[in-house]
Amino acid sequence: MTHPLQQVFDQAILQATKGKGERHGGEATPFMEQPWVHYAKMHGRGFLTGQAAKKLEEAASTRQGEAFVQEALGAIVYLSMAILQEQRPTVNAPPMTDFPTPSDAWNEFFRKNGGGM
């Protein structure tokens, strides 16, 4: 069974690899080697959460329809980057390159949490 949020997270991943995300490396550059990692190391997690907050503010105050969706997805991407940065074991850890598919991640989440939130 697919969780209702799966489609939203899949759209966020598409935005990170296509569209706006493509100019930052898209699928050509491994995600953990894209410019956001440099900025997160340089400025800390606050850079990423600040970008997410900016996206949410723009979405809520000035956007409607698809423009709202795109800004909100951008916020999800930045928050996800902040989580990745926070969960990274150490500064000297090897780059994370073996990512599970979104469906694998949800299946693992549901397995660990008894099928729901």
N, C-alpha and C. Protein backbone atom coordinates (compact mmCIF):
# COMPACT_ATOMS: atom_id res chain seq x y z
N MET A 1 0.83 -1.18 0.00
CA MET A 1 0.00 0.00 0.00
C MET A 1 0.88 1.25 0.00
N THR A 2 0.56 2.17 -0.84
CA THR A 2 1.33 3.41 -0.95
C THR A 2 0.70 4.46 -0.04
N HIS A 3 1.55 5.16 0.69
CA HIS A 3 1.09 6.24 1.56
C HIS A 3 0.67 7.43 0.71
N PRO A 4 -0.38 8.17 1.11
CA PRO A 4 -0.82 9.34 0.34
C PRO A 4 0.26 10.40 0.13
N LEU A 5 1.22 10.50 1.05
CA LEU A 5 2.29 11.49 0.90
C LEU A 5 3.34 11.09 -0.14
N GLN A 6 3.34 9.81 -0.54
CA GLN A 6 4.36 9.32 -1.47
C GLN A 6 4.43 10.17 -2.74
N GLN A 7 3.27 10.52 -3.29
CA GLN A 7 3.24 11.31 -4.52
C GLN A 7 3.90 12.68 -4.32
N VAL A 8 3.67 13.29 -3.17
CA VAL A 8 4.27 14.60 -2.88
C VAL A 8 5.79 14.48 -2.80
N PHE A 9 6.27 13.46 -2.08
CA PHE A 9 7.71 13.28 -1.95
C PHE A 9 8.35 12.94 -3.30
N ASP A 10 7.66 12.16 -4.11
CA ASP A 10 8.17 11.86 -5.45
C ASP A 10 8.28 13.14 -6.28
N GLN A 11 7.29 14.02 -6.16
CA GLN A 11 7.33 15.30 -6.89
C GLN A 11 8.50 16.16 -6.40
N ALA A 12 8.77 16.13 -5.11
CA ALA A 12 9.90 16.90 -4.56
C ALA A 12 11.22 16.37 -5.12
N ILE A 13 11.34 15.06 -5.21
CA ILE A 13 12.56 14.47 -5.78
C ILE A 13 12.71 14.87 -7.24
N LEU A 14 11.61 14.85 -7.98
CA LEU A 14 11.67 15.30 -9.38
C LEU A 14 12.13 16.74 -9.47
N GLN A 15 11.63 17.58 -8.57
CA GLN A 15 12.05 18.99 -8.60
C GLN A 15 13.54 19.12 -8.30
N ALA A 16 14.06 18.26 -7.42
CA ALA A 16 15.48 18.33 -7.07
C ALA A 16 16.38 17.82 -8.19
N THR A 17 15.85 16.99 -9.08
CA THR A 17 16.68 16.42 -10.14
C THR A 17 16.36 16.98 -11.52
N LYS A 18 15.20 17.54 -11.68
CA LYS A 18 14.78 18.14 -12.95
C LYS A 18 14.40 19.59 -12.69
N GLY A 19 14.00 20.31 -13.69
CA GLY A 19 13.54 21.68 -13.47
C GLY A 19 14.61 22.53 -12.81
N LYS A 20 14.23 23.22 -11.73
CA LYS A 20 15.19 24.09 -11.02
C LYS A 20 16.40 23.31 -10.53
N GLY A 21 16.20 22.09 -10.08
CA GLY A 21 17.30 21.28 -9.58
C GLY A 21 18.31 20.92 -10.64
N GLU A 22 17.90 20.91 -11.89
CA GLU A 22 18.80 20.53 -12.97
C GLU A 22 19.95 21.52 -13.13
N ARG A 23 19.71 22.78 -12.85
CA ARG A 23 20.78 23.78 -13.00
C ARG A 23 21.85 23.65 -11.92
N HIS A 24 21.55 22.89 -10.87
CA HIS A 24 22.52 22.67 -9.79
C HIS A 24 23.17 21.30 -9.87
N GLY A 25 22.94 20.60 -10.94
CA GLY A 25 23.55 19.29 -11.12
C GLY A 25 22.58 18.22 -11.53
N GLY A 26 21.30 18.41 -11.17
CA GLY A 26 20.27 17.46 -11.55
C GLY A 26 20.68 16.03 -11.31
N GLU A 27 20.56 15.22 -12.34
CA GLU A 27 20.96 13.83 -12.24
C GLU A 27 22.40 13.62 -12.70
N ALA A 28 23.01 14.65 -13.29
CA ALA A 28 24.38 14.53 -13.81
C ALA A 28 25.42 14.51 -12.69
N THR A 29 25.15 15.24 -11.62
CA THR A 29 26.07 15.30 -10.48
C THR A 29 25.41 14.58 -9.30
N PRO A 30 26.12 13.67 -8.64
CA PRO A 30 25.52 13.00 -7.48
C PRO A 30 24.97 14.04 -6.49
N PHE A 31 23.81 13.75 -5.95
CA PHE A 31 23.10 14.70 -5.10
C PHE A 31 23.97 15.20 -3.94
N MET A 32 24.75 14.32 -3.35
CA MET A 32 25.57 14.70 -2.20
C MET A 32 26.88 15.39 -2.61
N GLU A 33 27.02 15.68 -3.89
CA GLU A 33 28.17 16.45 -4.38
C GLU A 33 27.73 17.75 -5.04
N GLN A 34 26.47 18.09 -4.91
CA GLN A 34 25.95 19.32 -5.51
C GLN A 34 26.24 20.52 -4.61
N PRO A 35 26.08 21.73 -5.14
CA PRO A 35 26.46 22.94 -4.40
C PRO A 35 25.82 23.08 -3.02
N TRP A 36 24.62 22.57 -2.82
CA TRP A 36 23.97 22.73 -1.52
C TRP A 36 24.82 22.15 -0.39
N VAL A 37 25.57 21.06 -0.67
CA VAL A 37 26.39 20.44 0.37
C VAL A 37 27.49 21.41 0.81
N HIS A 38 28.12 22.08 -0.14
CA HIS A 38 29.15 23.07 0.16
C HIS A 38 28.58 24.18 1.05
N TYR A 39 27.42 24.72 0.67
CA TYR A 39 26.82 25.80 1.44
C TYR A 39 26.40 25.34 2.84
N ALA A 40 25.92 24.11 2.94
CA ALA A 40 25.54 23.59 4.26
C ALA A 40 26.76 23.43 5.15
N LYS A 41 27.87 22.99 4.57
CA LYS A 41 29.11 22.86 5.36
C LYS A 41 29.62 24.24 5.77
N MET A 42 29.51 25.20 4.86
CA MET A 42 30.03 26.53 5.10
C MET A 42 29.18 27.33 6.10
N HIS A 43 27.85 27.21 5.99
CA HIS A 43 26.95 28.04 6.78
C HIS A 43 26.12 27.25 7.80
N GLY A 44 26.23 25.94 7.77
CA GLY A 44 25.48 25.13 8.72
C GLY A 44 24.06 24.84 8.27
N ARG A 45 23.39 24.07 9.09
CA ARG A 45 22.02 23.65 8.80
C ARG A 45 21.08 24.84 8.62
N GLY A 46 21.38 25.95 9.30
CA GLY A 46 20.53 27.13 9.20
C GLY A 46 20.38 27.66 7.79
N PHE A 47 21.40 27.47 6.96
CA PHE A 47 21.27 27.89 5.56
C PHE A 47 20.11 27.15 4.90
N LEU A 48 20.06 25.84 5.12
CA LEU A 48 19.03 25.02 4.48
C LEU A 48 17.65 25.28 5.05
N THR A 49 17.55 25.39 6.39
CA THR A 49 16.24 25.66 6.97
C THR A 49 15.78 27.08 6.65
N GLY A 50 16.71 28.00 6.51
CA GLY A 50 16.36 29.36 6.10
C GLY A 50 15.81 29.40 4.69
N GLN A 51 16.43 28.64 3.80
CA GLN A 51 15.93 28.56 2.42
C GLN A 51 14.53 27.95 2.40
N ALA A 52 14.31 26.92 3.23
CA ALA A 52 12.99 26.29 3.31
C ALA A 52 11.96 27.30 3.81
N ALA A 53 12.31 28.06 4.83
CA ALA A 53 11.39 29.06 5.38
C ALA A 53 11.06 30.12 4.33
N LYS A 54 12.06 30.54 3.58
CA LYS A 54 11.84 31.53 2.52
C LYS A 54 10.87 30.99 1.48
N LYS A 55 11.07 29.73 1.08
CA LYS A 55 10.17 29.10 0.11
C LYS A 55 8.75 29.03 0.64
N LEU A 56 8.60 28.64 1.91
CA LEU A 56 7.26 28.54 2.49
C LEU A 56 6.58 29.91 2.56
N GLU A 57 7.34 30.92 2.94
CA GLU A 57 6.77 32.27 3.00
C GLU A 57 6.31 32.73 1.63
N GLU A 58 7.14 32.50 0.61
CA GLU A 58 6.76 32.87 -0.75
C GLU A 58 5.52 32.10 -1.20
N ALA A 59 5.49 30.81 -0.89
CA ALA A 59 4.34 29.98 -1.29
C ALA A 59 3.06 30.47 -0.63
N ALA A 60 3.13 30.75 0.65
CA ALA A 60 1.93 31.11 1.40
C ALA A 60 1.43 32.52 1.09
N SER A 61 2.34 33.42 0.81
CA SER A 61 1.94 34.82 0.67
C SER A 61 1.71 35.28 -0.76
N THR A 62 2.34 34.64 -1.72
CA THR A 62 2.25 35.20 -3.08
C THR A 62 1.85 34.21 -4.16
N ARG A 63 1.69 32.95 -3.83
CA ARG A 63 1.48 31.95 -4.87
C ARG A 63 0.12 31.27 -4.72
N GLN A 64 -0.36 30.79 -5.87
CA GLN A 64 -1.59 30.00 -5.90
C GLN A 64 -1.41 28.90 -6.94
N GLY A 65 -2.23 27.87 -6.84
CA GLY A 65 -2.21 26.80 -7.83
C GLY A 65 -0.86 26.14 -7.95
N GLU A 66 -0.41 25.92 -9.18
CA GLU A 66 0.85 25.23 -9.45
C GLU A 66 2.06 25.98 -8.93
N ALA A 67 2.02 27.32 -8.95
CA ALA A 67 3.13 28.11 -8.42
C ALA A 67 3.28 27.85 -6.92
N PHE A 68 2.16 27.74 -6.19
CA PHE A 68 2.21 27.40 -4.77
C PHE A 68 2.84 26.03 -4.58
N VAL A 69 2.38 25.06 -5.37
CA VAL A 69 2.88 23.69 -5.25
C VAL A 69 4.39 23.66 -5.47
N GLN A 70 4.88 24.35 -6.49
CA GLN A 70 6.31 24.32 -6.79
C GLN A 70 7.14 24.94 -5.66
N GLU A 71 6.68 26.05 -5.09
CA GLU A 71 7.41 26.67 -3.97
C GLU A 71 7.38 25.76 -2.75
N ALA A 72 6.23 25.15 -2.48
CA ALA A 72 6.13 24.25 -1.32
C ALA A 72 7.01 23.02 -1.51
N LEU A 73 7.07 22.48 -2.73
CA LEU A 73 7.97 21.35 -3.00
C LEU A 73 9.43 21.76 -2.78
N GLY A 74 9.76 22.98 -3.18
CA GLY A 74 11.12 23.47 -2.94
C GLY A 74 11.44 23.51 -1.45
N ALA A 75 10.46 23.88 -0.63
CA ALA A 75 10.66 23.88 0.82
C ALA A 75 10.90 22.47 1.33
N ILE A 76 10.14 21.52 0.80
CA ILE A 76 10.33 20.12 1.20
C ILE A 76 11.73 19.66 0.85
N VAL A 77 12.21 20.03 -0.33
CA VAL A 77 13.56 19.64 -0.75
C VAL A 77 14.60 20.23 0.21
N TYR A 78 14.49 21.52 0.52
CA TYR A 78 15.46 22.14 1.43
C TYR A 78 15.41 21.51 2.82
N LEU A 79 14.21 21.22 3.33
CA LEU A 79 14.11 20.56 4.63
C LEU A 79 14.72 19.16 4.59
N SER A 80 14.53 18.47 3.47
CA SER A 80 15.12 17.14 3.32
C SER A 80 16.64 17.23 3.29
N MET A 81 17.17 18.26 2.64
CA MET A 81 18.61 18.46 2.64
C MET A 81 19.12 18.70 4.06
N ALA A 82 18.37 19.47 4.85
CA ALA A 82 18.76 19.73 6.23
C ALA A 82 18.78 18.44 7.04
N ILE A 83 17.81 17.58 6.78
CA ILE A 83 17.78 16.28 7.47
C ILE A 83 18.99 15.44 7.06
N LEU A 84 19.28 15.41 5.77
CA LEU A 84 20.46 14.66 5.31
C LEU A 84 21.73 15.19 5.96
N GLN A 85 21.84 16.51 6.03
CA GLN A 85 23.02 17.12 6.64
C GLN A 85 23.10 16.74 8.12
N GLU A 86 21.98 16.76 8.81
CA GLU A 86 21.95 16.43 10.23
C GLU A 86 22.28 14.96 10.48
N GLN A 87 21.84 14.10 9.59
CA GLN A 87 22.04 12.66 9.78
C GLN A 87 23.39 12.17 9.28
N ARG A 88 24.11 13.03 8.61
CA ARG A 88 25.43 12.63 8.12
C ARG A 88 26.34 12.34 9.31
N PRO A 89 26.93 11.14 9.38
CA PRO A 89 27.65 10.72 10.58
C PRO A 89 28.79 11.64 11.01
N THR A 90 29.72 11.96 10.12
CA THR A 90 30.85 12.82 10.48
C THR A 90 31.28 13.60 9.25
N VAL A 91 32.11 14.57 9.47
CA VAL A 91 32.62 15.37 8.37
C VAL A 91 33.44 14.51 7.41
N ASN A 92 34.13 13.50 7.93
CA ASN A 92 34.98 12.66 7.11
C ASN A 92 34.26 11.45 6.51
N ALA A 93 32.97 11.38 6.70
CA ALA A 93 32.22 10.23 6.17
C ALA A 93 32.25 10.25 4.65
N PRO A 94 32.26 9.09 4.03
CA PRO A 94 32.21 9.05 2.58
C PRO A 94 30.89 9.61 2.07
N PRO A 95 30.87 10.13 0.86
CA PRO A 95 29.63 10.68 0.32
C PRO A 95 28.53 9.62 0.30
N MET A 96 27.31 10.06 0.58
CA MET A 96 26.18 9.14 0.52
C MET A 96 25.73 9.07 -0.94
N THR A 97 25.85 7.91 -1.53
CA THR A 97 25.49 7.77 -2.94
C THR A 97 24.48 6.66 -3.19
N ASP A 98 24.34 5.73 -2.27
CA ASP A 98 23.43 4.60 -2.47
C ASP A 98 22.10 4.90 -1.78
N PHE A 99 21.26 5.67 -2.44
CA PHE A 99 19.98 6.07 -1.87
C PHE A 99 18.92 5.03 -2.19
N PRO A 100 18.07 4.69 -1.21
CA PRO A 100 16.94 3.82 -1.53
C PRO A 100 15.94 4.60 -2.38
N THR A 101 15.13 3.87 -3.12
CA THR A 101 14.08 4.55 -3.87
C THR A 101 13.06 5.09 -2.88
N PRO A 102 12.26 6.08 -3.27
CA PRO A 102 11.25 6.59 -2.34
C PRO A 102 10.33 5.49 -1.84
N SER A 103 9.96 4.55 -2.70
CA SER A 103 9.08 3.46 -2.27
C SER A 103 9.77 2.58 -1.25
N ASP A 104 11.07 2.30 -1.44
CA ASP A 104 11.82 1.51 -0.46
C ASP A 104 11.83 2.21 0.89
N ALA A 105 12.04 3.52 0.87
CA ALA A 105 12.09 4.27 2.11
C ALA A 105 10.75 4.22 2.83
N TRP A 106 9.66 4.38 2.10
CA TRP A 106 8.34 4.33 2.73
C TRP A 106 8.05 2.94 3.26
N ASN A 107 8.38 1.91 2.49
CA ASN A 107 8.15 0.55 2.95
C ASN A 107 8.91 0.28 4.24
N GLU A 108 10.15 0.75 4.33
CA GLU A 108 10.94 0.58 5.54
C GLU A 108 10.32 1.35 6.70
N PHE A 109 9.86 2.57 6.43
CA PHE A 109 9.21 3.37 7.47
C PHE A 109 7.98 2.64 8.01
N PHE A 110 7.14 2.14 7.11
CA PHE A 110 5.93 1.46 7.54
C PHE A 110 6.26 0.17 8.28
N ARG A 111 7.30 -0.52 7.85
CA ARG A 111 7.71 -1.75 8.53
C ARG A 111 8.11 -1.44 9.97
N LYS A 112 8.87 -0.37 10.16
CA LYS A 112 9.35 0.00 11.49
C LYS A 112 8.26 0.60 12.38
N ASN A 113 7.26 1.22 11.75
CA ASN A 113 6.26 1.94 12.53
C ASN A 113 4.88 1.28 12.51
N GLY A 114 4.82 0.04 12.17
CA GLY A 114 3.57 -0.69 12.25
C GLY A 114 2.52 -0.26 11.25
N GLY A 115 2.93 0.21 10.09
CA GLY A 115 1.99 0.49 9.01
C GLY A 115 1.37 1.86 8.99
N GLY A 116 1.75 2.76 9.85
CA GLY A 116 1.16 4.09 9.76
C GLY A 116 1.70 5.02 10.82
N MET A 117 1.22 6.27 10.75
CA MET A 117 1.68 7.28 11.70
C MET A 117 0.76 7.33 12.89
